[in-house]
Amino acid sequence: MNNRPRVLIIYFSLSGQSRSLINLFAEGLREEKVDVSIEQLKAVERISFPFKGICQTGAMMLSTLFRKRTTIQRIAAHCFEKYHLIVLAGPTWSYNSVWWVDSLSGGFGFYVLSLLSF
C-alpha cells in the first residue's frame, strides 16, 4: 500500500506562464516523495490571448474584478479521488484568481484546503 501524501493541483493559465510554475512546483513536491496529479482548467468558450489592445485588456480586468463567471470544461475523474491537499492556482493578472473556484465548488462540492496565486 502506498502511504505517500497525495496532492492535486488544479490550475488555470491563458499564456502558459502559470503552467510553467505549476510544473516546477510539482517537480519539487515529487522530489519530496509526494504523489502529484495536475489538472488544467479550460474555458468552454475560447478566451483569446494575447489581448489585442488596451481596451480588451481593460475589459478582461473589469470582468475578473466583478467576478464574471466563465464556464469551464468538465474536469477529469481523478480530481474526485481522495487527496491530502488540493492546491488551486491561477494567474496574477486576474486580480481575483478565484473566478473558476466558484464554478468548481458550486458544481462539485470540493473542500478547498489551499489557494495559491502565482
Foldseek 3Di string as FASTA:
>chain_A
DDPAAEEEEEEEDDPCPVVVVVVVVVVVVVVVVYHYHYWYKDFPDDDDPDDPDDVRLVVQQVCLVVLPATHTDDTDPVVPDDGPAYEYEYEVSSVRRCSCVCVCCVPPVDDHDYYDYD
